[in-house]
């Protein structure tokens, strides 16, 4: 696979991750743009934060159902 292909794949993955974190922020009722921007920037630059927030997205709704 060419480096250019990898870059395109990484961009698509980054966009998908951003969308997932945005969905979670909406789910928890976070509408403050400054906070949202801060979380998204943190996810873009900090792998540990990205993992944390993507896990929140993965499990969203489970708390409501009493499964966690």
N, C-alpha and C. Protein backbone atom coordinates (compact mmCIF):
# COMPACT_ATOMS: atom_id res chain seq x y z
N UNK A 1 0.84 -1.17 0.00
CA UNK A 1 0.00 0.00 0.00
C UNK A 1 0.89 1.24 0.00
N UNK A 2 0.54 2.22 -0.81
CA UNK A 2 1.33 3.45 -0.90
C UNK A 2 1.10 4.34 0.32
N UNK A 3 2.10 5.16 0.62
CA UNK A 3 1.99 6.10 1.74
C UNK A 3 0.77 7.00 1.57
N UNK A 4 0.49 7.41 0.35
CA UNK A 4 -0.65 8.26 0.08
C UNK A 4 -1.96 7.56 0.48
N UNK A 5 -2.05 6.27 0.23
CA UNK A 5 -3.23 5.50 0.62
C UNK A 5 -3.36 5.45 2.13
N UNK A 6 -2.24 5.26 2.82
CA UNK A 6 -2.26 5.23 4.29
C UNK A 6 -2.74 6.56 4.85
N UNK A 7 -2.29 7.65 4.26
CA UNK A 7 -2.70 8.97 4.72
C UNK A 7 -4.20 9.15 4.54
N UNK A 8 -4.73 8.72 3.42
CA UNK A 8 -6.17 8.82 3.18
C UNK A 8 -6.94 7.98 4.19
N UNK A 9 -6.47 6.79 4.47
CA UNK A 9 -7.12 5.91 5.45
C UNK A 9 -7.08 6.56 6.83
N UNK A 10 -5.95 7.14 7.19
CA UNK A 10 -5.82 7.80 8.49
C UNK A 10 -6.77 8.98 8.60
N UNK A 11 -6.94 9.73 7.51
CA UNK A 11 -7.88 10.86 7.52
C UNK A 11 -9.32 10.38 7.71
N UNK A 12 -9.68 9.34 7.02
CA UNK A 12 -11.03 8.79 7.16
C UNK A 12 -11.25 8.30 8.59
N UNK A 13 -10.27 7.60 9.14
CA UNK A 13 -10.39 7.11 10.52
C UNK A 13 -10.50 8.27 11.51
N UNK A 14 -9.71 9.32 11.30
CA UNK A 14 -9.77 10.49 12.18
C UNK A 14 -11.16 11.14 12.11
N UNK A 15 -11.72 11.24 10.91
CA UNK A 15 -13.06 11.81 10.76
C UNK A 15 -14.11 10.95 11.45
N UNK A 16 -13.98 9.64 11.34
CA UNK A 16 -14.92 8.72 12.00
C UNK A 16 -14.81 8.84 13.52
N UNK A 17 -13.59 8.92 14.02
CA UNK A 17 -13.38 9.07 15.46
C UNK A 17 -13.99 10.39 15.95
N UNK A 18 -13.77 11.46 15.21
CA UNK A 18 -14.31 12.77 15.56
C UNK A 18 -15.84 12.70 15.61
N UNK A 19 -16.43 12.04 14.65
CA UNK A 19 -17.88 11.89 14.60
C UNK A 19 -18.39 11.11 15.81
N UNK A 20 -17.69 10.06 16.17
CA UNK A 20 -18.09 9.24 17.33
C UNK A 20 -18.01 10.05 18.62
N UNK A 21 -16.93 10.80 18.80
CA UNK A 21 -16.77 11.61 20.02
C UNK A 21 -17.84 12.70 20.04
N UNK A 22 -18.11 13.33 18.90
CA UNK A 22 -19.18 14.33 18.83
C UNK A 22 -20.52 13.73 19.22
N UNK A 23 -20.79 12.51 18.75
CA UNK A 23 -22.05 11.85 19.09
C UNK A 23 -22.15 11.62 20.59
N UNK A 24 -21.05 11.21 21.20
CA UNK A 24 -21.06 10.98 22.65
C UNK A 24 -21.27 12.30 23.39
N UNK A 25 -20.60 13.36 22.95
CA UNK A 25 -20.77 14.66 23.61
C UNK A 25 -22.23 15.11 23.53
N UNK A 26 -22.86 14.90 22.41
CA UNK A 26 -24.28 15.23 22.27
C UNK A 26 -25.11 14.35 23.20
N UNK A 27 -24.78 13.08 23.26
CA UNK A 27 -25.51 12.13 24.10
C UNK A 27 -25.50 12.55 25.57
N UNK A 28 -24.38 13.08 26.04
CA UNK A 28 -24.29 13.48 27.45
C UNK A 28 -24.79 14.91 27.67
N UNK A 29 -25.22 15.58 26.59
CA UNK A 29 -25.78 16.92 26.72
C UNK A 29 -24.75 18.03 26.75
N UNK A 30 -23.56 17.76 26.25
CA UNK A 30 -22.51 18.80 26.21
C UNK A 30 -22.67 19.61 24.93
N UNK A 31 -23.07 20.87 25.09
CA UNK A 31 -23.30 21.73 23.93
C UNK A 31 -22.37 22.94 23.90
N UNK A 32 -21.53 23.10 24.91
CA UNK A 32 -20.59 24.22 24.96
C UNK A 32 -19.50 23.99 23.91
N UNK A 33 -19.45 24.85 22.91
CA UNK A 33 -18.50 24.66 21.81
C UNK A 33 -17.04 24.68 22.26
N UNK A 34 -16.73 25.48 23.26
CA UNK A 34 -15.34 25.54 23.75
C UNK A 34 -14.93 24.19 24.36
N UNK A 35 -15.82 23.61 25.12
CA UNK A 35 -15.53 22.30 25.73
C UNK A 35 -15.45 21.23 24.65
N UNK A 36 -16.38 21.25 23.72
CA UNK A 36 -16.37 20.27 22.63
C UNK A 36 -15.07 20.37 21.84
N UNK A 37 -14.68 21.60 21.49
CA UNK A 37 -13.43 21.80 20.74
C UNK A 37 -12.23 21.30 21.53
N UNK A 38 -12.22 21.55 22.83
CA UNK A 38 -11.11 21.11 23.67
C UNK A 38 -11.02 19.58 23.70
N UNK A 39 -12.16 18.91 23.85
CA UNK A 39 -12.18 17.44 23.87
C UNK A 39 -11.71 16.89 22.52
N UNK A 40 -12.22 17.46 21.43
CA UNK A 40 -11.84 16.97 20.10
C UNK A 40 -10.36 17.19 19.82
N UNK A 41 -9.83 18.33 20.24
CA UNK A 41 -8.40 18.59 20.06
C UNK A 41 -7.57 17.61 20.88
N UNK A 42 -8.01 17.36 22.11
CA UNK A 42 -7.32 16.40 22.97
C UNK A 42 -7.31 15.01 22.32
N UNK A 43 -8.44 14.62 21.76
CA UNK A 43 -8.52 13.32 21.09
C UNK A 43 -7.60 13.25 19.87
N UNK A 44 -7.47 14.36 19.18
CA UNK A 44 -6.64 14.39 17.97
C UNK A 44 -5.15 14.30 18.29
N UNK A 45 -4.77 14.73 19.49
CA UNK A 45 -3.34 14.81 19.81
C UNK A 45 -2.88 13.85 20.90
N UNK A 46 -3.83 13.24 21.61
CA UNK A 46 -3.47 12.38 22.75
C UNK A 46 -4.14 11.01 22.58
N UNK A 47 -3.36 10.00 22.24
CA UNK A 47 -3.94 8.66 22.02
C UNK A 47 -4.70 8.11 23.23
N UNK A 48 -4.24 8.39 24.43
CA UNK A 48 -4.93 7.89 25.63
C UNK A 48 -6.31 8.53 25.77
N UNK A 49 -6.39 9.82 25.50
CA UNK A 49 -7.68 10.50 25.54
C UNK A 49 -8.61 9.97 24.46
N UNK A 50 -8.06 9.76 23.28
CA UNK A 50 -8.86 9.24 22.17
C UNK A 50 -9.47 7.89 22.54
N UNK A 51 -8.66 7.01 23.12
CA UNK A 51 -9.16 5.69 23.56
C UNK A 51 -10.26 5.86 24.59
N UNK A 52 -10.05 6.74 25.56
CA UNK A 52 -11.03 6.97 26.61
C UNK A 52 -12.37 7.41 26.02
N UNK A 53 -12.35 8.44 25.17
CA UNK A 53 -13.60 8.97 24.63
C UNK A 53 -14.26 8.02 23.64
N UNK A 54 -13.48 7.29 22.88
CA UNK A 54 -14.08 6.31 21.98
C UNK A 54 -14.74 5.17 22.77
N UNK A 55 -14.18 4.84 23.91
CA UNK A 55 -14.80 3.83 24.77
C UNK A 55 -16.12 4.37 25.35
N UNK A 56 -16.14 5.66 25.69
CA UNK A 56 -17.39 6.27 26.17
C UNK A 56 -18.45 6.17 25.07
N UNK A 57 -18.04 6.43 23.83
CA UNK A 57 -18.99 6.32 22.71
C UNK A 57 -19.48 4.89 22.56
N UNK A 58 -18.55 3.94 22.65
CA UNK A 58 -18.91 2.54 22.44
C UNK A 58 -19.95 2.08 23.46
N UNK A 59 -19.85 2.58 24.67
CA UNK A 59 -20.75 2.11 25.73
C UNK A 59 -21.92 3.05 25.97
N UNK A 60 -22.05 4.12 25.18
CA UNK A 60 -23.15 5.05 25.45
C UNK A 60 -24.49 4.35 25.29
N UNK A 61 -25.37 4.67 26.17
CA UNK A 61 -26.68 4.05 26.18
C UNK A 61 -26.75 2.82 27.07
N UNK A 62 -25.62 2.17 27.30
CA UNK A 62 -25.63 0.98 28.15
C UNK A 62 -25.95 1.33 29.59
N UNK A 63 -25.50 2.50 30.05
CA UNK A 63 -25.81 2.93 31.41
C UNK A 63 -27.32 3.08 31.57
N UNK A 64 -27.96 3.62 30.53
CA UNK A 64 -29.40 3.82 30.57
C UNK A 64 -30.15 2.50 30.68
N UNK A 65 -29.56 1.45 30.18
CA UNK A 65 -30.21 0.13 30.16
C UNK A 65 -29.81 -0.70 31.38
N UNK A 66 -28.95 -0.16 32.24
CA UNK A 66 -28.55 -0.87 33.44
C UNK A 66 -27.60 -2.02 33.20
N UNK A 67 -26.90 -2.02 32.06
CA UNK A 67 -25.99 -3.12 31.75
C UNK A 67 -24.58 -2.88 32.25
N UNK A 68 -24.28 -1.67 32.69
CA UNK A 68 -22.93 -1.41 33.20
C UNK A 68 -23.03 -1.03 34.66
